[in-house]
Amino acid sequence: MIRKAAGLIISISLQMIVCALVVIFLYDAGVKGFAFGESIFSNAAVSSPGNGRDMIVIIEKGASDLDVAKLLESKGLIEDYKVFLVQTVLYKATLYPGTYTLNTSMTPEEMLDILMQESKTEEEK
């Protein structure tokens, strides 16, 4: 009888622990998901207007959207390349190769607008 009661208590305790872990996981996933979604749609610049700095970005022919996003993050123009990558998909952006001047006070949407225009080479200017 005591063994049966102890087994039942252990079983219920394990079920409660599993349920608590699932709740913690879901809460954490929800918080992180909300933060990611908010950053996609907030369209915030890295620097405030007037405090930005110009950066020259060269997009090579054949560079993927992922390559461009990682390049912009490495230059400090965006905070998270994954967010920018999702934004390129949402805006249905086609990024063209070329040389561009971007500023850290630009929003990702403004950068996409510039990168979606074909850059003229020095010979064409």
N, C-alpha and C. Protein backbone atom coordinates (compact mmCIF):
# COMPACT_ATOMS: atom_id res chain seq x y z
N MET A 1 0.81 -1.19 0.00
CA MET A 1 0.00 0.00 0.00
C MET A 1 0.86 1.27 0.00
N ILE A 2 1.91 1.28 0.83
CA ILE A 2 2.78 2.45 0.90
C ILE A 2 3.54 2.61 -0.42
N ARG A 3 3.98 1.50 -0.99
CA ARG A 3 4.68 1.57 -2.28
C ARG A 3 3.76 2.13 -3.36
N LYS A 4 2.53 1.74 -3.34
CA LYS A 4 1.57 2.21 -4.33
C LYS A 4 1.36 3.72 -4.18
N ALA A 5 1.23 4.19 -2.96
CA ALA A 5 1.04 5.62 -2.69
C ALA A 5 2.29 6.41 -3.08
N ALA A 6 3.47 5.87 -2.77
CA ALA A 6 4.72 6.55 -3.12
C ALA A 6 4.88 6.62 -4.64
N GLY A 7 4.54 5.54 -5.32
CA GLY A 7 4.60 5.53 -6.78
C GLY A 7 3.66 6.54 -7.39
N LEU A 8 2.47 6.67 -6.83
CA LEU A 8 1.48 7.64 -7.31
C LEU A 8 1.98 9.07 -7.09
N ILE A 9 2.56 9.32 -5.93
CA ILE A 9 3.09 10.66 -5.63
C ILE A 9 4.24 11.01 -6.58
N ILE A 10 5.11 10.06 -6.81
CA ILE A 10 6.24 10.29 -7.75
C ILE A 10 5.71 10.54 -9.16
N SER A 11 4.75 9.77 -9.57
CA SER A 11 4.16 9.92 -10.91
C SER A 11 3.53 11.30 -11.07
N ILE A 12 2.75 11.71 -10.10
CA ILE A 12 2.10 13.03 -10.15
C ILE A 12 3.15 14.14 -10.13
N SER A 13 4.20 13.96 -9.31
CA SER A 13 5.27 14.97 -9.24
C SER A 13 5.97 15.12 -10.58
N LEU A 14 6.27 14.02 -11.23
CA LEU A 14 6.93 14.07 -12.54
C LEU A 14 6.03 14.75 -13.58
N GLN A 15 4.75 14.46 -13.55
CA GLN A 15 3.81 15.09 -14.47
C GLN A 15 3.74 16.60 -14.24
N MET A 16 3.76 17.00 -12.99
CA MET A 16 3.74 18.43 -12.67
C MET A 16 5.02 19.12 -13.14
N ILE A 17 6.15 18.45 -12.97
CA ILE A 17 7.42 19.02 -13.43
C ILE A 17 7.42 19.17 -14.95
N VAL A 18 6.95 18.16 -15.66
CA VAL A 18 6.88 18.23 -17.12
C VAL A 18 5.95 19.36 -17.55
N CYS A 19 4.80 19.47 -16.91
CA CYS A 19 3.86 20.55 -17.24
C CYS A 19 4.49 21.93 -16.98
N ALA A 20 5.20 22.07 -15.87
CA ALA A 20 5.86 23.34 -15.55
C ALA A 20 6.91 23.67 -16.61
N LEU A 21 7.68 22.69 -17.03
CA LEU A 21 8.70 22.92 -18.06
C LEU A 21 8.07 23.31 -19.40
N VAL A 22 6.96 22.69 -19.74
CA VAL A 22 6.26 23.04 -20.98
C VAL A 22 5.76 24.48 -20.90
N VAL A 23 5.18 24.87 -19.77
CA VAL A 23 4.69 26.25 -19.61
C VAL A 23 5.85 27.24 -19.71
N ILE A 24 6.97 26.94 -19.07
CA ILE A 24 8.14 27.83 -19.14
C ILE A 24 8.64 27.94 -20.57
N PHE A 25 8.72 26.82 -21.28
CA PHE A 25 9.17 26.83 -22.67
C PHE A 25 8.23 27.66 -23.53
N LEU A 26 6.93 27.46 -23.40
CA LEU A 26 5.96 28.22 -24.20
C LEU A 26 6.03 29.71 -23.89
N TYR A 27 6.19 30.06 -22.63
CA TYR A 27 6.30 31.47 -22.25
C TYR A 27 7.55 32.09 -22.89
N ASP A 28 8.68 31.40 -22.78
CA ASP A 28 9.93 31.90 -23.34
C ASP A 28 9.82 32.04 -24.86
N ALA A 29 9.24 31.04 -25.52
CA ALA A 29 9.07 31.10 -26.97
C ALA A 29 8.16 32.26 -27.36
N GLY A 30 7.11 32.48 -26.58
CA GLY A 30 6.20 33.58 -26.87
C GLY A 30 6.86 34.94 -26.73
N VAL A 31 7.66 35.11 -25.68
CA VAL A 31 8.36 36.38 -25.46
C VAL A 31 9.36 36.63 -26.59
N LYS A 32 10.13 35.61 -26.92
CA LYS A 32 11.12 35.78 -28.00
C LYS A 32 10.44 35.99 -29.34
N GLY A 33 9.36 35.27 -29.60
CA GLY A 33 8.62 35.45 -30.85
C GLY A 33 8.03 36.84 -30.97
N PHE A 34 7.48 37.34 -29.88
CA PHE A 34 6.91 38.69 -29.89
C PHE A 34 8.00 39.72 -30.16
N ALA A 35 9.15 39.58 -29.51
CA ALA A 35 10.25 40.54 -29.70
C ALA A 35 10.74 40.50 -31.14
N PHE A 36 10.84 39.30 -31.72
CA PHE A 36 11.27 39.18 -33.11
C PHE A 36 10.26 39.84 -34.04
N GLY A 37 8.98 39.56 -33.84
CA GLY A 37 7.94 40.16 -34.67
C GLY A 37 7.89 41.67 -34.53
N GLU A 38 8.07 42.14 -33.31
CA GLU A 38 8.07 43.59 -33.10
C GLU A 38 9.22 44.25 -33.82
N SER A 39 10.39 43.62 -33.81
CA SER A 39 11.55 44.21 -34.49
C SER A 39 11.36 44.19 -36.00
N ILE A 40 10.62 43.24 -36.53
CA ILE A 40 10.37 43.20 -37.97
C ILE A 40 9.50 44.39 -38.39
N PHE A 41 8.49 44.68 -37.61
CA PHE A 41 7.53 45.71 -38.01
C PHE A 41 7.79 47.08 -37.40
N SER A 42 8.74 47.19 -36.47
CA SER A 42 9.00 48.49 -35.85
C SER A 42 9.77 49.41 -36.79
N ASN A 43 10.59 48.84 -37.67
CA ASN A 43 11.30 49.60 -38.68
C ASN A 43 12.18 50.69 -38.06
N ALA A 44 12.92 50.34 -37.03
CA ALA A 44 13.76 51.31 -36.33
C ALA A 44 15.17 51.33 -36.93
N ALA A 45 15.76 52.52 -36.94
CA ALA A 45 17.12 52.69 -37.42
C ALA A 45 18.12 52.38 -36.30
N VAL A 46 19.35 52.11 -36.67
CA VAL A 46 20.40 51.83 -35.69
C VAL A 46 20.76 53.10 -34.93
N SER A 47 20.86 54.22 -35.65
CA SER A 47 21.21 55.51 -35.04
C SER A 47 20.03 56.47 -35.16
N SER A 48 19.98 57.44 -34.27
CA SER A 48 18.94 58.45 -34.38
C SER A 48 19.29 59.41 -35.52
N PRO A 49 18.27 60.04 -36.12
CA PRO A 49 18.54 60.97 -37.21
C PRO A 49 19.51 62.07 -36.78
N GLY A 50 20.44 62.38 -37.63
CA GLY A 50 21.45 63.40 -37.33
C GLY A 50 22.70 62.82 -36.70
N ASN A 51 22.61 61.63 -36.12
CA ASN A 51 23.77 61.01 -35.49
C ASN A 51 24.33 59.86 -36.33
N GLY A 52 23.76 59.64 -37.50
CA GLY A 52 24.19 58.53 -38.34
C GLY A 52 25.50 58.81 -39.05
N ARG A 53 26.06 57.73 -39.57
CA ARG A 53 27.28 57.88 -40.37
C ARG A 53 27.10 57.11 -41.67
N ASP A 54 27.66 57.66 -42.74
CA ASP A 54 27.55 57.04 -44.05
C ASP A 54 28.49 55.84 -44.15
N MET A 55 28.00 54.81 -44.82
CA MET A 55 28.79 53.61 -45.06
C MET A 55 28.63 53.25 -46.53
N ILE A 56 29.73 52.89 -47.16
CA ILE A 56 29.67 52.43 -48.54
C ILE A 56 29.52 50.93 -48.53
N VAL A 57 28.51 50.45 -49.25
CA VAL A 57 28.21 49.02 -49.31
C VAL A 57 28.34 48.57 -50.76
N ILE A 58 29.12 47.53 -50.97
CA ILE A 58 29.29 46.97 -52.31
C ILE A 58 28.64 45.59 -52.32
N ILE A 59 27.61 45.46 -53.14
CA ILE A 59 26.92 44.18 -53.29
C ILE A 59 27.43 43.54 -54.57
N GLU A 60 28.05 42.40 -54.41
CA GLU A 60 28.61 41.68 -55.54
C GLU A 60 27.50 41.01 -56.35
N LYS A 61 27.77 40.81 -57.63
CA LYS A 61 26.83 40.08 -58.49
C LYS A 61 26.71 38.65 -57.97
N GLY A 62 25.50 38.16 -57.86
CA GLY A 62 25.27 36.81 -57.38
C GLY A 62 25.13 36.70 -55.88
N ALA A 63 25.23 37.82 -55.16
CA ALA A 63 25.08 37.79 -53.70
C ALA A 63 23.62 37.53 -53.35
N SER A 64 23.41 36.64 -52.41
CA SER A 64 22.05 36.33 -51.98
C SER A 64 21.55 37.38 -50.98
N ASP A 65 20.26 37.35 -50.71
CA ASP A 65 19.69 38.26 -49.71
C ASP A 65 20.35 38.02 -48.36
N LEU A 66 20.66 36.76 -48.05
CA LEU A 66 21.33 36.43 -46.80
C LEU A 66 22.71 37.06 -46.74
N ASP A 67 23.46 37.02 -47.85
CA ASP A 67 24.79 37.64 -47.90
C ASP A 67 24.69 39.14 -47.67
N VAL A 68 23.71 39.77 -48.30
CA VAL A 68 23.52 41.22 -48.15
C VAL A 68 23.15 41.56 -46.71
N ALA A 69 22.24 40.78 -46.12
CA ALA A 69 21.82 41.04 -44.74
C ALA A 69 22.99 40.92 -43.78
N LYS A 70 23.82 39.89 -43.96
CA LYS A 70 24.99 39.72 -43.08
C LYS A 70 26.00 40.85 -43.30
N LEU A 71 26.14 41.31 -44.55
CA LEU A 71 27.05 42.43 -44.83
C LEU A 71 26.58 43.70 -44.13
N LEU A 72 25.27 43.98 -44.21
CA LEU A 72 24.73 45.18 -43.57
C LEU A 72 24.89 45.10 -42.05
N GLU A 73 24.71 43.92 -41.48
CA GLU A 73 24.90 43.77 -40.04
C GLU A 73 26.37 43.96 -39.66
N SER A 74 27.28 43.43 -40.46
CA SER A 74 28.70 43.57 -40.14
C SER A 74 29.18 45.01 -40.24
N LYS A 75 28.51 45.82 -41.06
CA LYS A 75 28.87 47.23 -41.18
C LYS A 75 28.14 48.10 -40.16
N GLY A 76 27.27 47.51 -39.36
CA GLY A 76 26.56 48.27 -38.33
C GLY A 76 25.36 49.04 -38.84
N LEU A 77 24.87 48.68 -40.02
CA LEU A 77 23.71 49.38 -40.59
C LEU A 77 22.39 48.82 -40.09
N ILE A 78 22.38 47.56 -39.71
CA ILE A 78 21.20 46.94 -39.14
C ILE A 78 21.62 46.18 -37.88
N GLU A 79 20.66 45.88 -37.02
CA GLU A 79 21.00 45.20 -35.77
C GLU A 79 20.97 43.69 -35.88
N ASP A 80 20.08 43.13 -36.71
CA ASP A 80 19.94 41.69 -36.80
C ASP A 80 19.68 41.29 -38.24
N TYR A 81 20.57 40.49 -38.79
CA TYR A 81 20.44 40.12 -40.19
C TYR A 81 19.18 39.26 -40.42
N LYS A 82 18.76 38.49 -39.42
CA LYS A 82 17.58 37.64 -39.58
C LYS A 82 16.32 38.50 -39.75
N VAL A 83 16.23 39.57 -39.00
CA VAL A 83 15.09 40.48 -39.12
C VAL A 83 15.08 41.11 -40.50
N PHE A 84 16.25 41.56 -40.97
CA PHE A 84 16.33 42.19 -42.29
C PHE A 84 15.96 41.19 -43.38
N LEU A 85 16.37 39.96 -43.22
CA LEU A 85 16.07 38.91 -44.19
C LEU A 85 14.56 38.70 -44.30
N VAL A 86 13.88 38.68 -43.17
CA VAL A 86 12.42 38.54 -43.18
C VAL A 86 11.78 39.78 -43.82
N GLN A 87 12.34 40.94 -43.55
CA GLN A 87 11.80 42.17 -44.14
C GLN A 87 11.95 42.16 -45.66
N THR A 88 13.05 41.63 -46.18
CA THR A 88 13.21 41.55 -47.64
C THR A 88 12.13 40.65 -48.24
N VAL A 89 11.78 39.59 -47.54
CA VAL A 89 10.73 38.70 -48.03
C VAL A 89 9.37 39.40 -47.97
N LEU A 90 9.08 40.08 -46.85
CA LEU A 90 7.80 40.76 -46.70
C LEU A 90 7.61 41.88 -47.71
N TYR A 91 8.69 42.60 -48.01
CA TYR A 91 8.62 43.70 -48.99
C TYR A 91 8.78 43.20 -50.41
N LYS A 92 8.99 41.89 -50.58
CA LYS A 92 9.21 41.30 -51.90
C LYS A 92 10.31 42.05 -52.64
N ALA A 93 11.40 42.27 -51.94
CA ALA A 93 12.50 43.08 -52.45
C ALA A 93 13.42 42.26 -53.36
N THR A 94 13.83 42.86 -54.44
CA THR A 94 14.87 42.32 -55.31
C THR A 94 16.07 43.23 -55.14
N LEU A 95 17.14 42.71 -54.55
CA LEU A 95 18.33 43.51 -54.28
C LEU A 95 19.29 43.39 -55.45
N TYR A 96 19.72 44.53 -55.95
CA TYR A 96 20.59 44.55 -57.12
C TYR A 96 22.05 44.73 -56.71
N PRO A 97 22.98 44.15 -57.47
CA PRO A 97 24.39 44.37 -57.18
C PRO A 97 24.78 45.80 -57.52
N GLY A 98 25.81 46.28 -56.85
CA GLY A 98 26.28 47.63 -57.10
C GLY A 98 26.91 48.23 -55.87
N THR A 99 27.25 49.51 -55.98
CA THR A 99 27.84 50.25 -54.87
C THR A 99 26.82 51.26 -54.37
N TYR A 100 26.55 51.21 -53.08
CA TYR A 100 25.53 52.06 -52.47
C TYR A 100 26.11 52.78 -51.27
N THR A 101 25.60 53.97 -51.01
CA THR A 101 25.94 54.70 -49.79
C THR A 101 24.71 54.69 -48.89
N LEU A 102 24.85 54.04 -47.74
CA LEU A 102 23.77 53.94 -46.78
C LEU A 102 24.20 54.61 -45.48
N ASN A 103 23.23 55.01 -44.67
CA ASN A 103 23.52 55.69 -43.43
C ASN A 103 22.93 54.91 -42.27
N THR A 104 23.60 54.93 -41.14
CA THR A 104 23.12 54.19 -39.97
C THR A 104 21.83 54.77 -39.41
N SER A 105 21.45 55.98 -39.81
CA SER A 105 20.19 56.56 -39.35
C SER A 105 19.03 56.20 -40.27
N MET A 106 19.29 55.43 -41.32
CA MET A 106 18.22 54.98 -42.22
C MET A 106 17.50 53.79 -41.60
N THR A 107 16.21 53.72 -41.86
CA THR A 107 15.45 52.56 -41.43
C THR A 107 15.71 51.42 -42.43
N PRO A 108 15.46 50.19 -42.02
CA PRO A 108 15.63 49.08 -42.97
C PRO A 108 14.79 49.26 -44.23
N GLU A 109 13.61 49.83 -44.09
CA GLU A 109 12.75 50.04 -45.26
C GLU A 109 13.40 51.04 -46.23
N GLU A 110 14.00 52.09 -45.70
CA GLU A 110 14.69 53.06 -46.56
C GLU A 110 15.89 52.41 -47.26
N MET A 111 16.61 51.54 -46.53
CA MET A 111 17.73 50.84 -47.14
C MET A 111 17.26 49.92 -48.25
N LEU A 112 16.16 49.22 -48.01
CA LEU A 112 15.61 48.34 -49.04
C LEU A 112 15.21 49.12 -50.28
N ASP A 113 14.60 50.30 -50.07
CA ASP A 113 14.23 51.13 -51.22
C ASP A 113 15.44 51.48 -52.07
N ILE A 114 16.56 51.77 -51.43
CA ILE A 114 17.78 52.12 -52.16
C ILE A 114 18.38 50.88 -52.83
N LEU A 115 18.42 49.77 -52.10
CA LEU A 115 19.04 48.55 -52.63
C LEU A 115 18.20 47.91 -53.74
N MET A 116 16.93 48.30 -53.84
CA MET A 116 16.09 47.76 -54.90
C MET A 116 16.23 48.54 -56.20
N GLN A 117 16.98 49.62 -56.17
CA GLN A 117 17.23 50.39 -57.39
C GLN A 117 18.58 49.97 -57.93
N GLU A 118 18.64 49.76 -59.23
CA GLU A 118 19.90 49.33 -59.82
C GLU A 118 20.93 50.46 -59.70
N SER A 119 22.08 50.12 -59.15
CA SER A 119 23.16 51.08 -58.98
C SER A 119 23.88 51.26 -60.31
N LYS A 120 24.25 52.48 -60.61
CA LYS A 120 25.01 52.74 -61.83
C LYS A 120 26.49 52.63 -61.53
N THR A 121 27.20 51.97 -62.42
CA THR A 121 28.65 51.84 -62.25
C THR A 121 29.31 53.17 -62.61
N GLU A 122 30.58 53.30 -62.28
CA GLU A 122 31.30 54.54 -62.57
C GLU A 122 31.30 54.83 -64.08
N GLU A 123 31.36 53.80 -64.92
CA GLU A 123 31.39 54.01 -66.37
C GLU A 123 30.06 54.55 -66.89
N GLU A 124 28.94 54.12 -66.26
CA GLU A 124 27.63 54.56 -66.72
C GLU A 124 27.31 55.96 -66.25
N LYS A 125 27.92 56.44 -65.17
CA LYS A 125 27.64 57.79 -64.65
C LYS A 125 28.26 58.78 -65.55
